[in-house]
C-alpha atoms as a PDB file:
ATOM      1  CA  MET A   1       0.031  -0.045   0.033  1.00  0.00           C
ATOM      2  CA  SER A   2       1.584   3.366  -1.202  1.00  0.00           C
ATOM      3  CA  ILE A   3       0.835   6.847   0.167  1.00  0.00           C
ATOM      4  CA  TYR A   4       2.026  10.133  -1.259  1.00  0.00           C
ATOM      5  CA  LEU A   5       4.458  12.403   0.734  1.00  0.00           C
ATOM      6  CA  ALA A   6       3.744  15.986  -0.191  1.00  0.00           C
ATOM      7  CA  VAL A   7       7.026  17.438   1.290  1.00  0.00           C
ATOM      8  CA  ALA A   8       9.327  14.761  -0.070  1.00  0.00           C
ATOM      9  CA  GLY A   9       7.452  14.857  -3.347  1.00  0.00           C
ATOM     10  CA  MET A  10       7.095  11.076  -3.843  1.00  0.00           C
ATOM     11  CA  SER A  11       5.131   8.049  -3.004  1.00  0.00           C
ATOM     12  CA  VAL A  12       6.185   5.312  -0.481  1.00  0.00           C
ATOM     13  CA  ASN A  13       5.108   1.934   0.743  1.00  0.00           C
ATOM     14  CA  VAL A  14       3.442   2.393   4.079  1.00  0.00           C
ATOM     15  CA  PHE A  15       4.534  -0.896   5.621  1.00  0.00           C
ATOM     16  CA  LEU A  16       8.089  -0.387   4.452  1.00  0.00           C
ATOM     17  CA  ILE A  17       8.324   2.993   6.242  1.00  0.00           C
ATOM     18  CA  MET A  18       6.676   1.702   9.415  1.00  0.00           C
ATOM     19  CA  GLY A  19       8.912  -1.323   9.189  1.00  0.00           C
ATOM     20  CA  LEU A  20      12.096   0.906   9.157  1.00  0.00           C
ATOM     21  CA  GLY A  21      10.674   2.852  12.118  1.00  0.00           C
ATOM     22  CA  ALA A  22      10.190  -0.394  14.097  1.00  0.00           C
ATOM     23  CA  LEU A  23      13.627  -1.665  13.289  1.00  0.00           C
ATOM     24  CA  VAL A  24      15.263   1.548  14.457  1.00  0.00           C
ATOM     25  CA  GLY A  25      12.928   1.685  17.416  1.00  0.00           C
ATOM     26  CA  VAL A  26      14.286  -1.719  18.609  1.00  0.00           C
ATOM     27  CA  LEU A  27      17.859  -0.359  18.260  1.00  0.00           C
ATOM     28  CA  SER A  28      16.862   2.725  20.173  1.00  0.00           C
ATOM     29  CA  GLY A  29      15.608   0.806  23.234  1.00  0.00           C
ATOM     30  CA  LEU A  30      18.465  -1.787  22.980  1.00  0.00           C
ATOM     31  CA  PHE A  31      21.310   0.516  22.599  1.00  0.00           C
ATOM     32  CA  GLY A  32      20.165   3.874  24.035  1.00  0.00           C
ATOM     33  CA  VAL A  33      20.435   5.836  20.662  1.00  0.00           C
ATOM     34  CA  GLY A  34      17.792   7.830  18.906  1.00  0.00           C
ATOM     35  CA  GLY A  35      18.434   5.870  15.878  1.00  0.00           C
ATOM     36  CA  GLY A  36      18.728   8.773  13.401  1.00  0.00           C
ATOM     37  CA  PHE A  37      22.290   7.673  12.381  1.00  0.00           C
ATOM     38  CA  LEU A  38      20.784   4.554  10.948  1.00  0.00           C
ATOM     39  CA  LEU A  39      17.343   5.681   9.719  1.00  0.00           C
ATOM     40  CA  THR A  40      18.203   8.857   8.036  1.00  0.00           C
ATOM     41  CA  PRO A  41      20.518   7.032   5.483  1.00  0.00           C
ATOM     42  CA  LEU A  42      18.027   4.242   5.178  1.00  0.00           C
ATOM     43  CA  LEU A  43      15.497   6.973   4.186  1.00  0.00           C
ATOM     44  CA  MET A  44      17.859   8.236   1.681  1.00  0.00           C
ATOM     45  CA  MET A  45      18.323   4.805   0.254  1.00  0.00           C
ATOM     46  CA  VAL A  46      14.586   4.505  -0.379  1.00  0.00           C
ATOM     47  CA  GLY A  47      14.681   7.874  -2.262  1.00  0.00           C
ATOM     48  CA  ILE A  48      13.712  10.412   0.479  1.00  0.00           C
ATOM     49  CA  PRO A  49      15.605  13.773  -0.077  1.00  0.00           C
ATOM     50  CA  PRO A  50      18.285  14.082   2.547  1.00  0.00           C
ATOM     51  CA  ALA A  51      16.978  17.393   4.100  1.00  0.00           C
ATOM     52  CA  VAL A  52      13.412  15.911   4.415  1.00  0.00           C
ATOM     53  CA  ALA A  53      14.910  12.601   5.784  1.00  0.00           C
ATOM     54  CA  ALA A  54      16.900  14.447   8.439  1.00  0.00           C
ATOM     55  CA  ALA A  55      14.157  16.696   9.591  1.00  0.00           C
ATOM     56  CA  SER A  56      11.336  14.164   9.561  1.00  0.00           C
ATOM     57  CA  ASP A  57      13.478  11.717  11.343  1.00  0.00           C
ATOM     58  CA  SER A  58      13.965  14.039  14.212  1.00  0.00           C
ATOM     59  CA  ASN A  59      10.440  13.614  14.918  1.00  0.00           C
ATOM     60  CA  GLN A  60      10.593   9.747  14.775  1.00  0.00           C
ATOM     61  CA  ILE A  61      13.498  10.061  17.283  1.00  0.00           C
ATOM     62  CA  VAL A  62      11.168  11.747  19.668  1.00  0.00           C
ATOM     63  CA  ALA A  63       8.767   8.796  19.632  1.00  0.00           C
ATOM     64  CA  ALA A  64      11.510   6.151  19.799  1.00  0.00           C
ATOM     65  CA  SER A  65      13.412   7.912  22.618  1.00  0.00           C
ATOM     66  CA  CYS A  66      10.385   8.726  24.771  1.00  0.00           C
ATOM     67  CA  SER A  67       9.200   5.100  24.495  1.00  0.00           C
ATOM     68  CA  GLY A  68      12.654   3.651  25.377  1.00  0.00           C
ATOM     69  CA  ALA A  69      13.309   6.184  28.271  1.00  0.00           C
ATOM     70  CA  ILE A  70       9.979   5.242  29.742  1.00  0.00           C
ATOM     71  CA  ALA A  71      10.927   1.573  29.705  1.00  0.00           C
ATOM     72  CA  HIS A  72      14.424   2.318  31.114  1.00  0.00           C
ATOM     73  CA  LYS A  73      13.022   4.676  33.757  1.00  0.00           C
ATOM     74  CA  ARG A  74      11.072   1.760  35.160  1.00  0.00           C
ATOM     75  CA  LEU A  75      14.371  -0.202  35.175  1.00  0.00           C
ATOM     76  CA  GLY A  76      16.022   2.542  37.154  1.00  0.00           C
ATOM     77  CA  ASN A  77      18.398   3.486  34.461  1.00  0.00           C
ATOM     78  CA  VAL A  78      17.595   7.268  34.019  1.00  0.00           C
ATOM     79  CA  ASP A  79      19.734   9.894  35.759  1.00  0.00           C
ATOM     80  CA  MET A  80      17.435  12.917  35.639  1.00  0.00           C
ATOM     81  CA  LYS A  81      19.945  15.463  36.859  1.00  0.00           C
ATOM     82  CA  MET A  82      22.465  14.375  34.127  1.00  0.00           C
ATOM     83  CA  GLY A  83      19.709  14.228  31.516  1.00  0.00           C
ATOM     84  CA  ILE A  84      18.521  17.920  32.356  1.00  0.00           C
ATOM     85  CA  THR A  85      22.035  19.197  32.344  1.00  0.00           C
ATOM     86  CA  PHE A  86      22.627  17.737  28.839  1.00  0.00           C
ATOM     87  CA  LEU A  87      19.328  19.386  27.705  1.00  0.00           C
ATOM     88  CA  ILE A  88      20.685  22.911  28.575  1.00  0.00           C
ATOM     89  CA  GLY A  89      23.423  22.333  25.846  1.00  0.00           C
ATOM     90  CA  GLY A  90      21.188  20.313  23.608  1.00  0.00           C
ATOM     91  CA  ILE A  91      18.460  22.835  23.095  1.00  0.00           C
ATOM     92  CA  MET A  92      21.029  25.512  22.261  1.00  0.00           C
ATOM     93  CA  GLY A  93      22.908  23.273  19.810  1.00  0.00           C
ATOM     94  CA  GLY A  94      19.669  22.239  18.126  1.00  0.00           C
ATOM     95  CA  THR A  95      18.624  25.889  17.670  1.00  0.00           C
ATOM     96  CA  VAL A  96      22.209  26.794  16.098  1.00  0.00           C
ATOM     97  CA  GLY A  97      22.031  23.643  13.993  1.00  0.00           C
ATOM     98  CA  ALA A  98      18.740  24.444  12.419  1.00  0.00           C
ATOM     99  CA  GLN A  99      20.100  27.878  11.415  1.00  0.00           C
ATOM    100  CA  LEU A 100      23.296  26.258  10.001  1.00  0.00           C
ATOM    101  CA  VAL A 101      21.157  23.998   7.965  1.00  0.00           C
ATOM    102  CA  LYS A 102      19.449  26.986   6.293  1.00  0.00           C
ATOM    103  CA  VAL A 103      22.720  28.450   5.351  1.00  0.00           C
ATOM    104  CA  LEU A 104      24.153  25.281   3.888  1.00  0.00           C
ATOM    105  CA  ARG A 105      20.960  24.811   1.763  1.00  0.00           C
ATOM    106  CA  GLY A 106      21.520  28.379   0.616  1.00  0.00           C
ATOM    107  CA  PHE A 107      24.869  27.463  -0.754  1.00  0.00           C
ATOM    108  CA  GLY A 108      23.319  24.557  -2.466  1.00  0.00           C
ATOM    109  CA  ASN A 109      25.630  21.715  -1.130  1.00  0.00           C
ATOM    110  CA  TYR A 110      23.482  20.423   1.993  1.00  0.00           C
ATOM    111  CA  ASP A 111      22.875  17.000   0.470  1.00  0.00           C
ATOM    112  CA  PHE A 112      26.410  16.307  -0.374  1.00  0.00           C
ATOM    113  CA  ALA A 113      27.675  17.809   2.997  1.00  0.00           C
ATOM    114  CA  VAL A 114      25.303  15.484   5.123  1.00  0.00           C
ATOM    115  CA  LYS A 115      26.464  12.264   3.325  1.00  0.00           C
ATOM    116  CA  LEU A 116      30.159  13.203   3.629  1.00  0.00           C
ATOM    117  CA  ILE A 117      29.751  14.005   7.352  1.00  0.00           C
ATOM    118  CA  TYR A 118      27.934  10.755   7.948  1.00  0.00           C
ATOM    119  CA  VAL A 119      30.875   8.730   6.324  1.00  0.00           C
ATOM    120  CA  VAL A 120      33.506  10.498   8.549  1.00  0.00           C
ATOM    121  CA  VAL A 121      31.682  10.486  11.731  1.00  0.00           C
ATOM    122  CA  LEU A 122      30.382   6.856  11.474  1.00  0.00           C
ATOM    123  CA  ALA A 123      33.808   5.549  10.657  1.00  0.00           C
ATOM    124  CA  LEU A 124      35.534   7.293  13.621  1.00  0.00           C
ATOM    125  CA  ILE A 125      32.751   6.365  16.104  1.00  0.00           C
ATOM    126  CA  GLY A 126      32.108   2.756  14.838  1.00  0.00           C
ATOM    127  CA  GLY A 127      35.822   2.127  14.587  1.00  0.00           C
ATOM    128  CA  PHE A 128      36.476   3.207  18.252  1.00  0.00           C
ATOM    129  CA  MET A 129      33.613   1.445  19.715  1.00  0.00           C
ATOM    130  CA  PHE A 130      34.344  -1.881  17.894  1.00  0.00           C
ATOM    131  CA  ILE A 131      38.091  -1.795  19.044  1.00  0.00           C
ATOM    132  CA  GLU A 132      37.274  -0.817  22.613  1.00  0.00           C
ATOM    133  CA  SER A 133      34.266  -3.307  23.027  1.00  0.00           C
ATOM    134  CA  LEU A 134      36.299  -6.232  21.362  1.00  0.00           C
ATOM    135  CA  ASN A 135      39.118  -5.614  23.819  1.00  0.00           C
ATOM    136  CA  ALA A 136      36.479  -5.748  26.761  1.00  0.00           C
ATOM    137  CA  LEU A 137      35.126  -9.059  25.525  1.00  0.00           C
ATOM    138  CA  ARG A 138      38.674 -10.430  25.450  1.00  0.00           C
ATOM    139  CA  GLY A 139      39.272  -9.212  28.948  1.00  0.00           C
ATOM    140  CA  LYS A 140      41.998  -6.607  28.230  1.00  0.00           C
ATOM    141  CA  VAL A 141      39.820  -3.794  29.573  1.00  0.00           C
ATOM    142  CA  LYS A 142      36.694  -3.349  31.597  1.00  0.00           C
ATOM    143  CA  VAL A 143      34.429  -1.052  29.591  1.00  0.00           C
ATOM    144  CA  SER A 144      32.008   0.056  32.452  1.00  0.00           C
ATOM    145  CA  ASP A 145      34.868   0.687  34.924  1.00  0.00           C
ATOM    146  CA  PRO A 146      38.256   1.664  33.510  1.00  0.00           C
ATOM    147  CA  ALA A 147      41.038   0.609  35.692  1.00  0.00           C
ATOM    148  CA  LYS A 148      42.942   3.878  35.029  1.00  0.00           C
ATOM    149  CA  PRO A 149      41.271   7.156  34.126  1.00  0.00           C
ATOM    150  CA  SER A 150      42.678   8.790  30.994  1.00  0.00           C
ATOM    151  CA  LYS A 151      44.649  11.899  31.139  1.00  0.00           C
ATOM    152  CA  PHE A 152      41.711  13.949  29.617  1.00  0.00           C
ATOM    153  CA  LYS A 153      39.380  12.525  32.294  1.00  0.00           C
ATOM    154  CA  ARG A 154      41.841  13.508  34.907  1.00  0.00           C
ATOM    155  CA  PHE A 155      42.163  16.983  33.535  1.00  0.00           C
ATOM    156  CA  LEU A 156      38.326  17.423  33.608  1.00  0.00           C
ATOM    157  CA  ALA A 157      38.312  16.244  37.271  1.00  0.00           C
ATOM    158  CA  SER A 158      40.696  18.957  38.215  1.00  0.00           C
ATOM    159  CA  LEU A 159      38.593  21.746  36.803  1.00  0.00           C
ATOM    160  CA  PRO A 160      36.022  23.820  39.110  1.00  0.00           C
ATOM    161  CA  LEU A 161      32.353  23.567  38.892  1.00  0.00           C
ATOM    162  CA  GLN A 162      32.343  19.904  39.645  1.00  0.00           C
ATOM    163  CA  THR A 163      28.775  18.525  40.144  1.00  0.00           C
ATOM    164  CA  ASP A 164      27.734  15.276  41.815  1.00  0.00           C
ATOM    165  CA  PHE A 165      25.279  12.957  39.927  1.00  0.00           C
ATOM    166  CA  PRO A 166      24.097  10.512  42.626  1.00  0.00           C
ATOM    167  CA  VAL A 167      22.103   8.177  40.308  1.00  0.00           C
ATOM    168  CA  SER A 168      25.174   7.599  38.174  1.00  0.00           C
ATOM    169  CA  GLY A 169      27.512   7.555  41.118  1.00  0.00           C
ATOM    170  CA  ILE A 170      29.946  10.152  39.357  1.00  0.00           C
ATOM    171  CA  ARG A 171      31.149  13.692  39.743  1.00  0.00           C
ATOM    172  CA  ALA A 172      31.675  15.574  36.660  1.00  0.00           C
ATOM    173  CA  TYR A 173      32.694  19.127  35.188  1.00  0.00           C
ATOM    174  CA  ILE A 174      29.376  20.796  34.462  1.00  0.00           C
ATOM    175  CA  ILE A 175      30.496  22.825  31.543  1.00  0.00           C
ATOM    176  CA  PHE A 176      31.782  19.660  29.803  1.00  0.00           C
ATOM    177  CA  VAL A 177      28.593  17.945  30.139  1.00  0.00           C
ATOM    178  CA  VAL A 178      26.690  21.039  28.888  1.00  0.00           C
ATOM    179  CA  GLY A 179      29.096  21.074  26.050  1.00  0.00           C
ATOM    180  CA  LEU A 180      28.347  17.568  25.004  1.00  0.00           C
ATOM    181  CA  GLY A 181      24.717  18.309  25.148  1.00  0.00           C
ATOM    182  CA  PHE A 182      25.457  21.221  22.562  1.00  0.00           C
ATOM    183  CA  LEU A 183      27.334  18.950  20.265  1.00  0.00           C
ATOM    184  CA  VAL A 184      24.477  16.418  20.343  1.00  0.00           C
ATOM    185  CA  GLY A 185      21.863  19.092  19.538  1.00  0.00           C
ATOM    186  CA  LEU A 186      23.985  20.328  16.761  1.00  0.00           C
ATOM    187  CA  LEU A 187      24.315  16.947  15.197  1.00  0.00           C
ATOM    188  CA  ALA A 188      20.574  16.322  15.602  1.00  0.00           C
ATOM    189  CA  ALA A 189      19.780  19.260  13.414  1.00  0.00           C
ATOM    190  CA  LEU A 190      22.453  18.762  10.809  1.00  0.00           C
ATOM    191  CA  MET A 191      22.096  15.087  10.403  1.00  0.00           C
ATOM    192  CA  GLY A 192      18.871  13.929  11.821  1.00  0.00           C
ATOM    193  CA  VAL A 193      20.372  11.998  14.670  1.00  0.00           C
ATOM    194  CA  GLY A 194      19.674  11.810  18.357  1.00  0.00           C
ATOM    195  CA  GLY A 195      23.305  11.824  18.984  1.00  0.00           C
ATOM    196  CA  GLY A 196      23.436   8.562  21.103  1.00  0.00           C
ATOM    197  CA  PHE A 197      26.072   6.984  19.045  1.00  0.00           C
ATOM    198  CA  ILE A 198      28.352   9.855  20.379  1.00  0.00           C
ATOM    199  CA  THR A 199      26.669  10.496  23.811  1.00  0.00           C
ATOM    200  CA  VAL A 200      26.630   6.957  25.175  1.00  0.00           C
ATOM    201  CA  PRO A 201      30.271   6.323  24.478  1.00  0.00           C
ATOM    202  CA  ALA A 202      31.188   9.697  25.899  1.00  0.00           C
ATOM    203  CA  MET A 203      29.045   9.106  29.079  1.00  0.00           C
ATOM    204  CA  ILE A 204      30.852   5.806  29.640  1.00  0.00           C
ATOM    205  CA  TYR A 205      34.446   6.635  28.605  1.00  0.00           C
ATOM    206  CA  LEU A 206      34.689  10.322  29.470  1.00  0.00           C
ATOM    207  CA  LEU A 207      32.153  10.724  32.297  1.00  0.00           C
ATOM    208  CA  GLY A 208      32.513   7.200  33.782  1.00  0.00           C
ATOM    209  CA  MET A 209      28.887   6.492  33.975  1.00  0.00           C
ATOM    210  CA  PRO A 210      27.559   2.868  34.140  1.00  0.00           C
ATOM    211  CA  THR A 211      26.497   1.508  30.762  1.00  0.00           C
ATOM    212  CA  MET A 212      22.885   1.130  31.541  1.00  0.00           C
ATOM    213  CA  ALA A 213      22.566   4.470  33.180  1.00  0.00           C
ATOM    214  CA  ALA A 214      24.173   5.890  30.139  1.00  0.00           C
ATOM    215  CA  ILE A 215      21.612   4.339  27.858  1.00  0.00           C
ATOM    216  CA  GLY A 216      18.593   5.332  29.908  1.00  0.00           C
ATOM    217  CA  THR A 217      19.735   8.970  30.517  1.00  0.00           C
ATOM    218  CA  ASP A 218      20.731   9.378  26.813  1.00  0.00           C
ATOM    219  CA  LEU A 219      17.228   8.371  25.798  1.00  0.00           C
ATOM    220  CA  PHE A 220      15.747  10.813  28.256  1.00  0.00           C
ATOM    221  CA  GLN A 221      17.575  13.785  26.983  1.00  0.00           C
ATOM    222  CA  ILE A 222      17.209  12.920  23.304  1.00  0.00           C
ATOM    223  CA  VAL A 223      13.400  13.190  23.697  1.00  0.00           C
ATOM    224  CA  PHE A 224      13.662  16.908  24.410  1.00  0.00           C
ATOM    225  CA  THR A 225      16.627  17.731  22.178  1.00  0.00           C
ATOM    226  CA  SER A 226      14.940  16.089  19.139  1.00  0.00           C
ATOM    227  CA  MET A 227      11.680  17.665  19.928  1.00  0.00           C
ATOM    228  CA  ASN A 228      13.340  21.049  19.836  1.00  0.00           C
ATOM    229  CA  VAL A 229      15.039  20.228  16.581  1.00  0.00           C
ATOM    230  CA  THR A 230      11.832  19.110  14.906  1.00  0.00           C
ATOM    231  CA  PHE A 231      10.232  22.390  15.802  1.00  0.00           C
ATOM    232  CA  GLN A 232      13.205  24.424  14.511  1.00  0.00           C
ATOM    233  CA  GLN A 233      13.309  22.517  11.331  1.00  0.00           C
ATOM    234  CA  ALA A 234       9.657  22.978  10.789  1.00  0.00           C
ATOM    235  CA  ILE A 235       9.548  26.793  11.227  1.00  0.00           C
ATOM    236  CA  THR A 236      12.957  27.590   9.771  1.00  0.00           C
ATOM    237  CA  ASN A 237      13.498  25.122   6.835  1.00  0.00           C
ATOM    238  CA  HIS A 238       9.864  23.638   6.220  1.00  0.00           C
ATOM    239  CA  THR A 239      11.330  20.176   5.621  1.00  0.00           C
ATOM    240  CA  VAL A 240       9.305  18.127   8.043  1.00  0.00           C
ATOM    241  CA  ASP A 241       7.049  15.667   6.239  1.00  0.00           C
ATOM    242  CA  VAL A 242       4.175  15.141   8.681  1.00  0.00           C
ATOM    243  CA  VAL A 243       2.936  11.924   6.924  1.00  0.00           C
ATOM    244  CA  LEU A 244       6.416  10.403   6.843  1.00  0.00           C
ATOM    245  CA  ALA A 245       6.914  11.393  10.487  1.00  0.00           C
ATOM    246  CA  VAL A 246       3.626   9.778  11.593  1.00  0.00           C
ATOM    247  CA  LEU A 247       4.402   6.490   9.843  1.00  0.00           C
ATOM    248  CA  LEU A 248       7.880   6.352  11.509  1.00  0.00           C
ATOM    249  CA  PHE A 249       6.518   7.391  14.843  1.00  0.00           C
ATOM    250  CA  CYS A 250       4.024   4.466  14.822  1.00  0.00           C
ATOM    251  CA  GLY A 251       6.676   1.894  14.101  1.00  0.00           C
ATOM    252  CA  SER A 252       9.255   3.282  16.361  1.00  0.00           C
ATOM    253  CA  THR A 253       7.057   3.530  19.367  1.00  0.00           C
ATOM    254  CA  ILE A 254       6.511  -0.238  19.518  1.00  0.00           C
ATOM    255  CA  GLY A 255      10.028  -1.138  18.383  1.00  0.00           C
ATOM    256  CA  ALA A 256      11.541   0.805  21.317  1.00  0.00           C
ATOM    257  CA  GLN A 257       9.672  -1.094  23.994  1.00  0.00           C
ATOM    258  CA  ILE A 258      10.782  -4.396  22.480  1.00  0.00           C
ATOM    259  CA  GLY A 259      14.431  -3.217  22.481  1.00  0.00           C
ATOM    260  CA  ALA A 260      14.441  -1.947  26.032  1.00  0.00           C
ATOM    261  CA  ARG A 261      13.342  -5.349  27.262  1.00  0.00           C
ATOM    262  CA  PHE A 262      15.843  -7.219  25.240  1.00  0.00           C
ATOM    263  CA  SER A 263      18.628  -4.895  26.617  1.00  0.00           C
ATOM    264  CA  LYS A 264      18.390  -6.736  30.053  1.00  0.00           C
ATOM    265  CA  ARG A 265      19.666  -9.878  28.364  1.00  0.00           C
ATOM    266  CA  PHE A 266      22.950  -8.452  27.044  1.00  0.00           C
ATOM    267  CA  LYS A 267      26.269  -7.334  28.704  1.00  0.00           C
ATOM    268  CA  GLY A 268      27.459  -3.759  28.081  1.00  0.00           C
ATOM    269  CA  GLU A 269      30.395  -5.094  26.065  1.00  0.00           C
ATOM    270  CA  GLN A 270      28.056  -7.199  23.814  1.00  0.00           C
ATOM    271  CA  LEU A 271      25.799  -4.236  23.109  1.00  0.00           C
ATOM    272  CA  ARG A 272      28.793  -2.113  22.124  1.00  0.00           C
ATOM    273  CA  VAL A 273      30.149  -4.565  19.665  1.00  0.00           C
ATOM    274  CA  LEU A 274      26.728  -5.069  18.070  1.00  0.00           C
ATOM    275  CA  LEU A 275      26.079  -1.316  17.843  1.00  0.00           C
ATOM    276  CA  SER A 276      29.553  -0.535  16.357  1.00  0.00           C
ATOM    277  CA  LEU A 277      29.035  -3.232  13.692  1.00  0.00           C
ATOM    278  CA  ILE A 278      25.655  -1.652  12.593  1.00  0.00           C
ATOM    279  CA  VAL A 279      27.362   1.828  12.519  1.00  0.00           C
ATOM    280  CA  LEU A 280      30.231   0.467  10.420  1.00  0.00           C
ATOM    281  CA  MET A 281      27.916  -1.301   7.976  1.00  0.00           C
ATOM    282  CA  VAL A 282      25.840   1.883   7.481  1.00  0.00           C
ATOM    283  CA  MET A 283      29.170   3.814   6.909  1.00  0.00           C
ATOM    284  CA  VAL A 284      30.386   1.486   4.260  1.00  0.00           C
ATOM    285  CA  LYS A 285      27.044   1.500   2.388  1.00  0.00           C
ATOM    286  CA  MET A 286      27.165   5.335   2.296  1.00  0.00           C
ATOM    287  CA  PHE A 287      30.756   5.448   1.356  1.00  0.00           C
ATOM    288  CA  VAL A 288      30.113   3.055  -1.638  1.00  0.00           C
ATOM    289  CA  ASP A 289      27.228   5.356  -2.604  1.00  0.00           C
ATOM    290  CA  LEU A 290      29.471   8.466  -2.611  1.00  0.00           C
ATOM    291  CA  VAL A 291      32.235   6.963  -4.774  1.00  0.00           C
ATOM    292  CA  THR A 292      30.065   5.088  -7.135  1.00  0.00           C
ATOM    293  CA  VAL A 293      27.319   7.544  -7.676  1.00  0.00           C
ATOM    294  CA  PRO A 294      28.164  10.958  -9.116  1.00  0.00           C
ATOM    295  CA  VAL A 295      27.396  13.528  -6.407  1.00  0.00           C
ATOM    296  CA  SER A 296      26.964  17.107  -7.459  1.00  0.00           C
ATOM    297  CA  PHE A 297      26.716  20.042  -5.016  1.00  0.00           C
ATOM    298  CA  ILE A 298      23.014  20.410  -5.415  1.00  0.00           C
ATOM    299  CA  GLY A 299      20.242  21.472  -3.143  1.00  0.00           C
ATOM    300  CA  LEU A 300      17.027  20.114  -2.012  1.00  0.00           C
ATOM    301  CA  THR A 301      15.020  21.187  -4.962  1.00  0.00           C
ATOM    302  CA  THR A 302      16.655  18.507  -7.245  1.00  0.00           C
ATOM    303  CA  GLY A 303      15.528  15.760  -4.825  1.00  0.00           C
ATOM    304  CA  GLY A 304      11.911  16.096  -6.030  1.00  0.00           C
ATOM    305  CA  GLY A 305      10.343  18.560  -3.546  1.00  0.00           C
ATOM    306  CA  GLY A 306      10.589  19.381   0.103  1.00  0.00           C
ATOM    307  CA  HIS A 307       9.891  23.183   0.302  1.00  0.00           C
END
């Protein structure tokens, strides 16, 4: 069954889109990520213009993250204080990112820029997570409780404005936490991602949070960060396709609940390896698309609609 997407300017199969939403919802609840890093390129692969995919996907992230956060809250995995601190930076980053999207589209190279940034970021994050998690499974390091803090972590601990986060059992430099939130909000607007593939590793490796607390807390803050991004994209760039967003919303809400329940059956290291492999597979696919299909510096209008 097909339905026409007015903003995207094309028809899509309803069950395919809902299926993609459900798949990413499972990953959201399982790994503590919004899922945009995977869903946005998947939407591009089925023909959705990049700007529309990124903006509409932010709305889907709200549903998946909200559903997953509720499930993890019941499991005691959400640090509200940490999540709210992240939100301060996340909302600012999302607002700046939406304006930056407007500038990039004005230059006419937004589509290419999004794909290129994806390849680079996914390669770095996926590679790092895979190596660290594999070492953890082999017993070389303990992911959730590093034996020796890094120099960077010791430097952060020496700075003023340290704040206690009792639920996570850590003490952190509050400006750094806000800065991470800003980065996540910026990425959410630019690339249609919740930022979990960056936030969760940062919470674990840089802040020292327990794996499950990082997953639950990240989902909590992603809800509001993505909500702000969706609003900013809608009023600034007019690229949110409501029909597409609703279809993704329905699928991801159900999927996130399933994923959260499955997360209890895996160790943190196992979740990291699985997530890193998914990230790397998406990166390879997008890299192949960039080098095999001619990509010109063109704007959204050549994608078949979206204004």
